[in-house]
Amino acid sequence: MTGDEVRDQAQSGGGVGLSDENLALHRSAIQSRITFQGLATRPFEGLSWDYFLADVELEARAARIGMRDTTIGSYCDTIQLLPAAAIVRLDAALSVYFLPPEPESEAHVDYLLRPLDAATAKRMRQRRHAVHAMQAVAQQQEEARKKAAAPDEELKSQYWPCPHAALSTEPDDFLLWIKDQTPDTWHVIVDSWDHNSDDRDSVIEWIFEQPNCDLGTAAQYFFIAALGLANEEPAQLSSGYRRKWHLMKRVADNWQRGHYLRNEVQPSIQPSDVQYYDELVARREASGRPLPWTVPGPKLRRFGGRQANSAYFYEDCHLRLGFTAWKQQREQFGCGRDFPRCCQE
C-alpha cells in the first residue's frame, strides 16, 4: 500500500466500526501503553516496539501530521491527532507484534487483521513472524547461557561456606595482609569501606600514604568523607570522626602536592557527591572561611578509565577471595573432594 493509499483510507474515517466513545478509549489505551513503556527502565526495548513506533510514524506521514521528535510526548500527541482508521491499525499492531505465538493468540490476530487491507495485514504478519524468530533465538541463547553457568552455580554452594575463601579482618591481620596487596586491591577495599567503623582505619591510613596508591582510590575516599566531614570543625567531632577528618585532610594534601603517581582506576563516586564538595568550597570562600585544605578544581581532575582488577572483594567488613580466584585455586586447597567435610578438616 502506498503512502497516498494509506492516507486516503485513514482520512476517510469510514467503515472502522467504532463509536466516538470507543475511539477515544482506543486512543487513550494506546497513549497509556506508550507512556508506560517510555518510562520503563529500558524504554521501547525490542523488535516489537521498533515495528510499532515505525507504524506510528508511517501513519503520521500518511495523515500529513508533522511529529516534533521521537519523545513520549510527541508520540502521544500524534496518536491524539490520527484519524480513526489509523487508530484501528495501530490497535491491531499492539496485539500482532506483542502477543505470544499461542493458538488463542493467533486466532485473535486473525480477527484483528480481517478489516485491514491485504498489504497492511501481510506486513504485520511478516513482522510478527520476525519478532517470534528473534525471540526464539534469544531464548536459545538464554538456555545456552544457563547451561554454561550451571556448574558455577553449583560450585557457589561450596564457595560461600569455604573457610579458604574468607580472610581475617582483625585490625592487625588486615594491616599485615594489605601491605602485600596490589593498588587495585587497595581500591576494592576503599571502595567498600565502612566509614562508620573505627577499629580498622589503620588499614586505609597506610594505603593513602603509599605513592603508588591510585589517584582514583584517593578521590573515592576523599569525596565520600567530605560529604559528612568537610564542613565540620575537627575539635567538635568525636575522636573516631576527628581521626577520619584528619585522614581526609591528609588525602587532600597528598593529592594537591602530586603524591599519588598512579592514575589508572576510575572512582565510582556520584556526580552529586563531587558537586556537593565543589559548592561547599565556593560557599566557604565566598563567606571568607575557606577550607583548611583543597584539592584540584574540576577542570584539573583527570582519573583513569578502567575498573579495579582484584582477586578479592570487601563488603560489610568481610574480606573474601573472589569466586573466580577461589575456583582456580580450589584444587590446591583440596576443596570439593568430599563436600562439606572438606571444609571441616
Protein backbone atom coordinates (compact mmCIF):
# COMPACT_ATOMS: atom_id res chain seq x y z
CA MET A 1 0.00 0.00 0.00
CA THR A 2 1.43 3.42 -0.94
CA GLY A 3 1.52 6.38 1.40
CA ASP A 4 -1.26 8.08 -0.58
CA GLU A 5 -3.47 4.98 -0.31
CA VAL A 6 -2.90 4.76 3.45
CA ARG A 7 -3.67 8.46 3.78
CA ASP A 8 -6.86 8.26 1.73
CA GLN A 9 -8.12 5.32 3.78
CA ALA A 10 -7.13 6.95 7.07
CA GLN A 11 -8.71 10.29 6.26
CA SER A 12 -11.95 8.74 5.06
CA GLY A 13 -12.65 7.52 8.61
CA GLY A 14 -15.38 5.31 7.32
CA GLY A 15 -16.03 1.68 7.98
CA VAL A 16 -13.92 1.41 11.12
CA GLY A 17 -16.87 0.32 13.24
CA LEU A 18 -16.02 2.49 16.27
CA SER A 19 -18.22 4.98 18.04
CA ASP A 20 -16.65 8.24 19.12
CA GLU A 21 -16.59 6.96 22.69
CA ASN A 22 -14.87 3.70 21.77
CA LEU A 23 -12.43 5.52 19.51
CA ALA A 24 -11.47 7.79 22.41
CA LEU A 25 -10.92 4.72 24.61
CA HIS A 26 -8.64 3.14 21.99
CA ARG A 27 -6.62 6.35 21.65
CA SER A 28 -6.23 6.59 25.41
CA ALA A 29 -5.19 2.94 25.70
CA ILE A 30 -2.50 3.34 23.03
CA GLN A 31 -1.22 6.54 24.64
CA SER A 32 -1.10 4.85 28.06
CA ARG A 33 0.84 1.91 26.63
CA ILE A 34 3.39 4.24 25.05
CA THR A 35 3.74 6.34 28.20
CA PHE A 36 4.15 3.34 30.48
CA GLN A 37 6.77 1.75 28.26
CA GLY A 38 8.59 5.04 27.72
CA LEU A 39 9.10 5.39 31.48
CA ALA A 40 10.40 1.83 31.90
CA THR A 41 13.99 1.09 32.88
CA ARG A 42 14.69 0.05 29.29
CA PRO A 43 12.22 2.10 27.25
CA PHE A 44 10.89 0.72 23.98
CA GLU A 45 13.26 -2.24 24.02
CA GLY A 46 12.80 -4.98 21.44
CA LEU A 47 11.81 -5.51 17.84
CA SER A 48 8.08 -5.30 18.64
CA TRP A 49 8.45 -1.69 19.75
CA ASP A 50 10.68 -0.87 16.79
CA TYR A 51 7.92 -2.02 14.46
CA PHE A 52 5.10 -0.34 16.38
CA LEU A 53 6.79 3.07 16.62
CA ALA A 54 7.65 2.84 12.92
CA ASP A 55 3.93 2.30 12.25
CA VAL A 56 3.04 5.40 14.28
CA GLU A 57 5.47 7.45 12.21
CA LEU A 58 4.08 5.95 8.99
CA GLU A 59 0.52 6.82 9.99
CA ALA A 60 1.62 10.35 10.88
CA ARG A 61 3.21 10.85 7.45
CA ALA A 62 0.14 9.41 5.74
CA ALA A 63 -2.13 11.82 7.61
CA ARG A 64 0.30 14.71 6.95
CA ILE A 65 0.99 15.17 10.66
CA GLY A 66 4.44 16.51 11.45
CA MET A 67 5.92 14.83 14.54
CA ARG A 68 8.09 17.16 16.63
CA ASP A 69 10.54 14.44 17.58
CA THR A 70 10.58 10.87 18.90
CA THR A 71 9.83 11.63 22.55
CA ILE A 72 6.96 10.08 24.51
CA GLY A 73 5.01 13.34 24.39
CA SER A 74 5.37 13.63 20.63
CA TYR A 75 4.11 10.08 20.05
CA CYS A 76 1.14 10.64 22.37
CA ASP A 77 0.25 13.96 20.73
CA THR A 78 0.42 12.28 17.33
CA ILE A 79 -1.91 9.50 18.45
CA GLN A 80 -4.41 12.15 19.52
CA LEU A 81 -4.46 13.65 16.01
CA LEU A 82 -4.57 10.47 13.91
CA PRO A 83 -7.78 9.56 12.07
CA ALA A 84 -9.99 6.69 13.15
CA ALA A 85 -8.70 4.17 10.60
CA ALA A 86 -5.12 4.75 11.74
CA ILE A 87 -6.12 4.09 15.35
CA VAL A 88 -7.70 0.78 14.29
CA ARG A 89 -4.50 -0.26 12.55
CA LEU A 90 -2.30 0.74 15.48
CA ASP A 91 -4.60 -1.02 17.92
CA ALA A 92 -4.22 -4.18 15.82
CA ALA A 93 -0.43 -3.73 15.72
CA LEU A 94 -0.25 -3.69 19.51
CA SER A 95 -1.62 -7.24 19.52
CA VAL A 96 0.03 -8.52 16.34
CA TYR A 97 3.57 -7.50 17.36
CA PHE A 98 3.33 -8.30 21.06
CA LEU A 99 1.14 -11.38 21.57
CA PRO A 100 3.00 -14.71 22.00
CA PRO A 101 2.70 -17.42 19.32
CA GLU A 102 -0.07 -19.38 21.01
CA PRO A 103 -3.16 -20.78 19.21
CA GLU A 104 -5.58 -18.47 21.04
CA SER A 105 -3.34 -15.50 20.27
CA GLU A 106 -3.16 -16.43 16.59
CA ALA A 107 -6.96 -16.59 16.44
CA HIS A 108 -7.19 -13.11 17.93
CA VAL A 109 -4.58 -11.80 15.48
CA ASP A 110 -6.58 -13.25 12.57
CA TYR A 111 -9.68 -11.47 13.87
CA LEU A 112 -7.89 -8.12 14.19
CA LEU A 113 -6.33 -8.32 10.75
CA ARG A 114 -9.57 -9.14 8.88
CA PRO A 115 -10.75 -5.49 8.49
CA LEU A 116 -7.33 -4.30 7.28
CA ASP A 117 -6.28 -4.11 3.65
CA ALA A 118 -4.27 -7.07 2.35
CA ALA A 119 -0.92 -5.24 2.14
CA THR A 120 -1.10 -3.95 5.72
CA ALA A 121 -2.18 -7.33 7.05
CA LYS A 122 0.66 -9.05 5.18
CA ARG A 123 3.25 -6.58 6.51
CA MET A 124 2.04 -7.04 10.08
CA ARG A 125 2.14 -10.84 9.77
CA GLN A 126 5.68 -10.73 8.41
CA ARG A 127 6.75 -8.53 11.30
CA ARG A 128 5.04 -10.82 13.80
CA HIS A 129 6.97 -13.78 12.40
CA ALA A 130 10.23 -11.79 12.60
CA VAL A 131 9.55 -10.91 16.26
CA HIS A 132 8.91 -14.56 17.13
CA ALA A 133 12.00 -15.71 15.25
CA MET A 134 14.16 -13.23 17.20
CA GLN A 135 12.54 -14.28 20.47
CA ALA A 136 13.28 -17.92 19.70
CA VAL A 137 16.94 -17.12 19.07
CA ALA A 138 17.10 -15.10 22.32
CA GLN A 139 15.51 -17.97 24.24
CA GLN A 140 18.04 -20.44 22.82
CA GLN A 141 20.88 -18.13 23.78
CA GLU A 142 19.49 -17.75 27.32
CA GLU A 143 19.15 -21.51 27.70
CA ALA A 144 22.73 -21.97 26.50
CA ARG A 145 23.90 -19.31 28.98
CA LYS A 146 22.11 -21.02 31.85
CA LYS A 147 23.54 -24.38 30.85
CA ALA A 148 27.06 -22.94 30.74
CA ALA A 149 26.54 -21.21 34.10
CA ALA A 150 25.05 -24.25 35.85
CA PRO A 151 28.40 -25.71 37.00
CA ASP A 152 29.38 -22.37 38.55
CA GLU A 153 26.03 -22.07 40.30
CA GLU A 154 26.59 -25.48 41.85
CA LEU A 155 30.12 -24.53 42.89
CA LYS A 156 28.87 -21.39 44.62
CA SER A 157 27.07 -23.56 47.14
CA GLN A 158 30.54 -24.75 48.16
CA TYR A 159 32.25 -21.38 47.78
CA TRP A 160 30.27 -19.45 50.39
CA PRO A 161 30.91 -21.80 53.35
CA CYS A 162 34.51 -22.49 52.31
CA PRO A 163 36.90 -21.23 55.04
CA HIS A 164 39.66 -20.80 52.46
CA ALA A 165 37.63 -18.03 50.78
CA ALA A 166 37.28 -15.92 53.94
CA LEU A 167 40.16 -13.78 55.21
CA SER A 168 40.62 -12.22 58.61
CA THR A 169 39.79 -8.54 59.04
CA GLU A 170 41.05 -8.32 62.58
CA PRO A 171 42.95 -4.98 62.61
CA ASP A 172 46.47 -6.42 62.93
CA ASP A 173 45.83 -9.22 60.43
CA PHE A 174 44.16 -6.85 57.98
CA LEU A 175 47.01 -4.33 58.09
CA LEU A 176 49.61 -7.03 57.60
CA TRP A 177 47.66 -8.50 54.70
CA ILE A 178 47.02 -5.18 52.92
CA LYS A 179 50.73 -4.41 52.71
CA ASP A 180 51.24 -7.37 50.38
CA GLN A 181 48.38 -6.46 48.00
CA THR A 182 48.20 -4.55 44.73
CA PRO A 183 46.92 -0.98 44.26
CA ASP A 184 43.86 -2.46 42.54
CA THR A 185 43.03 -4.48 45.65
CA TRP A 186 43.57 -1.36 47.76
CA HIS A 187 40.94 0.33 45.61
CA VAL A 188 38.49 -2.54 46.11
CA ILE A 189 38.92 -2.18 49.88
CA VAL A 190 38.50 1.60 49.90
CA ASP A 191 35.53 1.47 47.51
CA SER A 192 33.53 -0.62 50.00
CA TRP A 193 34.93 0.87 53.18
CA ASP A 194 32.64 1.30 56.18
CA HIS A 195 33.13 4.95 57.07
CA ASN A 196 31.38 4.45 60.42
CA SER A 197 33.87 1.87 61.73
CA ASP A 198 36.87 2.88 63.82
CA ASP A 199 38.95 -0.19 64.55
CA ARG A 200 40.36 -0.73 61.04
CA ASP A 201 41.23 2.83 60.00
CA SER A 202 44.93 1.99 60.21
CA VAL A 203 44.44 -0.04 57.00
CA ILE A 204 43.31 2.85 54.83
CA GLU A 205 45.65 5.29 56.56
CA TRP A 206 48.52 3.09 55.41
CA ILE A 207 47.09 2.85 51.88
CA PHE A 208 46.85 6.62 51.43
CA GLU A 209 50.47 7.13 52.43
CA GLN A 210 51.69 4.97 49.53
CA PRO A 211 52.82 6.85 46.40
CA ASN A 212 51.52 4.01 44.21
CA CYS A 213 48.04 4.31 45.68
CA ASP A 214 45.88 5.17 42.67
CA LEU A 215 44.56 8.72 42.44
CA GLY A 216 41.10 7.27 41.77
CA THR A 217 41.32 5.42 45.09
CA ALA A 218 42.24 8.59 46.95
CA ALA A 219 39.42 10.51 45.27
CA GLN A 220 36.98 7.73 46.11
CA TYR A 221 37.69 8.13 49.82
CA PHE A 222 38.03 11.90 49.81
CA PHE A 223 34.69 12.83 48.23
CA ILE A 224 32.72 10.33 50.32
CA ALA A 225 34.38 11.53 53.53
CA ALA A 226 33.82 15.16 52.50
CA LEU A 227 30.06 14.61 52.46
CA GLY A 228 29.93 14.29 56.23
CA LEU A 229 33.15 15.90 57.43
CA ALA A 230 34.35 18.69 55.16
CA ASN A 231 32.12 21.33 56.73
CA GLU A 232 32.83 20.24 60.31
CA GLU A 233 35.29 21.57 62.86
CA PRO A 234 37.58 18.71 63.99
CA ALA A 235 37.66 19.90 67.61
CA GLN A 236 33.90 19.37 67.82
CA LEU A 237 33.98 15.81 66.48
CA SER A 238 34.25 12.57 68.41
CA SER A 239 37.71 11.03 68.48
CA GLY A 240 36.82 8.49 65.78
CA TYR A 241 35.45 11.05 63.34
CA ARG A 242 38.23 13.50 64.19
CA ARG A 243 40.68 10.83 63.06
CA LYS A 244 38.74 10.48 59.79
CA TRP A 245 38.70 14.26 59.33
CA HIS A 246 42.48 14.39 59.61
CA LEU A 247 42.79 11.48 57.17
CA MET A 248 40.54 13.32 54.71
CA LYS A 249 42.77 16.39 55.04
CA ARG A 250 45.87 14.23 54.61
CA VAL A 251 44.49 12.73 51.40
CA ALA A 252 43.67 16.22 50.11
CA ASP A 253 47.17 17.46 50.90
CA ASN A 254 48.74 14.43 49.23
CA TRP A 255 46.57 14.90 46.15
CA GLN A 256 47.35 18.59 45.88
CA ARG A 257 51.10 18.06 46.06
CA GLY A 258 51.09 15.26 43.48
CA HIS A 259 51.84 12.43 45.90
CA TYR A 260 49.69 9.90 44.04
CA LEU A 261 51.72 8.91 40.99
CA ARG A 262 49.40 6.21 39.67
CA ASN A 263 46.20 7.21 37.85
CA GLU A 264 44.53 4.23 36.20
CA VAL A 265 41.37 3.36 38.11
CA GLN A 266 38.06 5.15 37.72
CA PRO A 267 36.42 6.08 41.04
CA SER A 268 32.75 5.17 41.45
CA ILE A 269 31.72 8.40 43.16
CA GLN A 270 28.39 10.01 42.29
CA PRO A 271 28.50 13.34 40.42
CA SER A 272 26.21 14.80 43.11
CA ASP A 273 28.81 13.98 45.79
CA VAL A 274 31.52 15.82 43.87
CA GLN A 275 29.12 18.71 43.23
CA TYR A 276 28.41 18.97 46.96
CA TYR A 277 32.11 19.42 47.69
CA ASP A 278 32.64 22.00 44.94
CA GLU A 279 29.64 24.02 46.07
CA LEU A 280 30.86 23.85 49.67
CA VAL A 281 34.28 25.18 48.62
CA ALA A 282 32.60 28.07 46.77
CA ARG A 283 30.33 28.92 49.71
CA ARG A 284 33.16 28.81 52.23
CA GLU A 285 35.38 31.01 50.08
CA ALA A 286 32.53 33.48 49.46
CA SER A 287 31.94 33.78 53.22
CA GLY A 288 35.64 34.32 53.94
CA ARG A 289 36.01 30.92 55.63
CA PRO A 290 37.94 28.82 53.11
CA LEU A 291 38.56 25.18 53.92
CA PRO A 292 41.96 24.48 55.51
CA TRP A 293 42.86 22.28 52.54
CA THR A 294 41.79 21.89 48.94
CA VAL A 295 42.06 19.53 46.01
CA PRO A 296 42.49 20.39 42.32
CA GLY A 297 39.42 22.01 40.80
CA PRO A 298 37.02 20.32 38.37
CA LYS A 299 38.98 21.27 35.23
CA LEU A 300 42.18 19.77 36.65
CA ARG A 301 40.71 16.44 37.74
CA ARG A 302 41.60 13.55 35.50
CA PHE A 303 41.06 9.95 36.52
CA GLY A 304 41.77 6.62 34.89
CA GLY A 305 39.03 4.90 32.94
CA ARG A 306 39.23 1.25 33.95
CA GLN A 307 37.73 -0.78 36.77
CA ALA A 308 39.92 -2.21 39.52
CA ASN A 309 41.02 -5.78 38.87
CA SER A 310 41.42 -7.77 42.07
CA ALA A 311 41.10 -11.37 43.18
CA TYR A 312 39.37 -10.14 46.35
CA PHE A 313 36.24 -8.29 47.33
CA TYR A 314 35.32 -6.47 50.51
CA GLU A 315 31.78 -5.97 51.75
CA ASP A 316 30.22 -5.20 55.14
CA CYS A 317 33.65 -5.52 56.81
CA HIS A 318 34.06 -9.03 55.38
CA LEU A 319 37.04 -9.79 53.17
CA ARG A 320 36.85 -12.71 50.76
CA LEU A 321 38.70 -14.28 47.91
CA GLY A 322 36.55 -13.73 44.83
CA PHE A 323 34.68 -16.65 43.34
CA THR A 324 36.73 -16.78 40.13
CA ALA A 325 40.04 -16.82 42.02
CA TRP A 326 38.69 -19.37 44.52
CA LYS A 327 37.55 -21.64 41.69
CA GLN A 328 41.01 -21.53 40.14
CA GLN A 329 42.70 -22.32 43.47
CA ARG A 330 40.21 -24.79 44.95
CA GLU A 331 42.11 -27.88 43.85
CA GLN A 332 45.25 -26.88 45.72
CA PHE A 333 43.05 -26.24 48.77
CA GLY A 334 41.56 -29.72 48.39
CA CYS A 335 38.11 -28.15 48.14
CA GLY A 336 35.18 -30.11 46.79
CA ARG A 337 36.58 -33.61 47.04
CA ASP A 338 34.18 -34.54 49.81
CA PHE A 339 31.99 -31.50 50.34
CA PRO A 340 31.13 -30.40 53.01
CA ARG A 341 33.60 -32.48 55.06
CA CYS A 342 36.46 -30.99 53.07
CA CYS A 343 35.71 -27.61 54.68
CA GLN A 344 35.72 -29.06 58.17
CA GLU A 345 39.20 -30.50 58.04
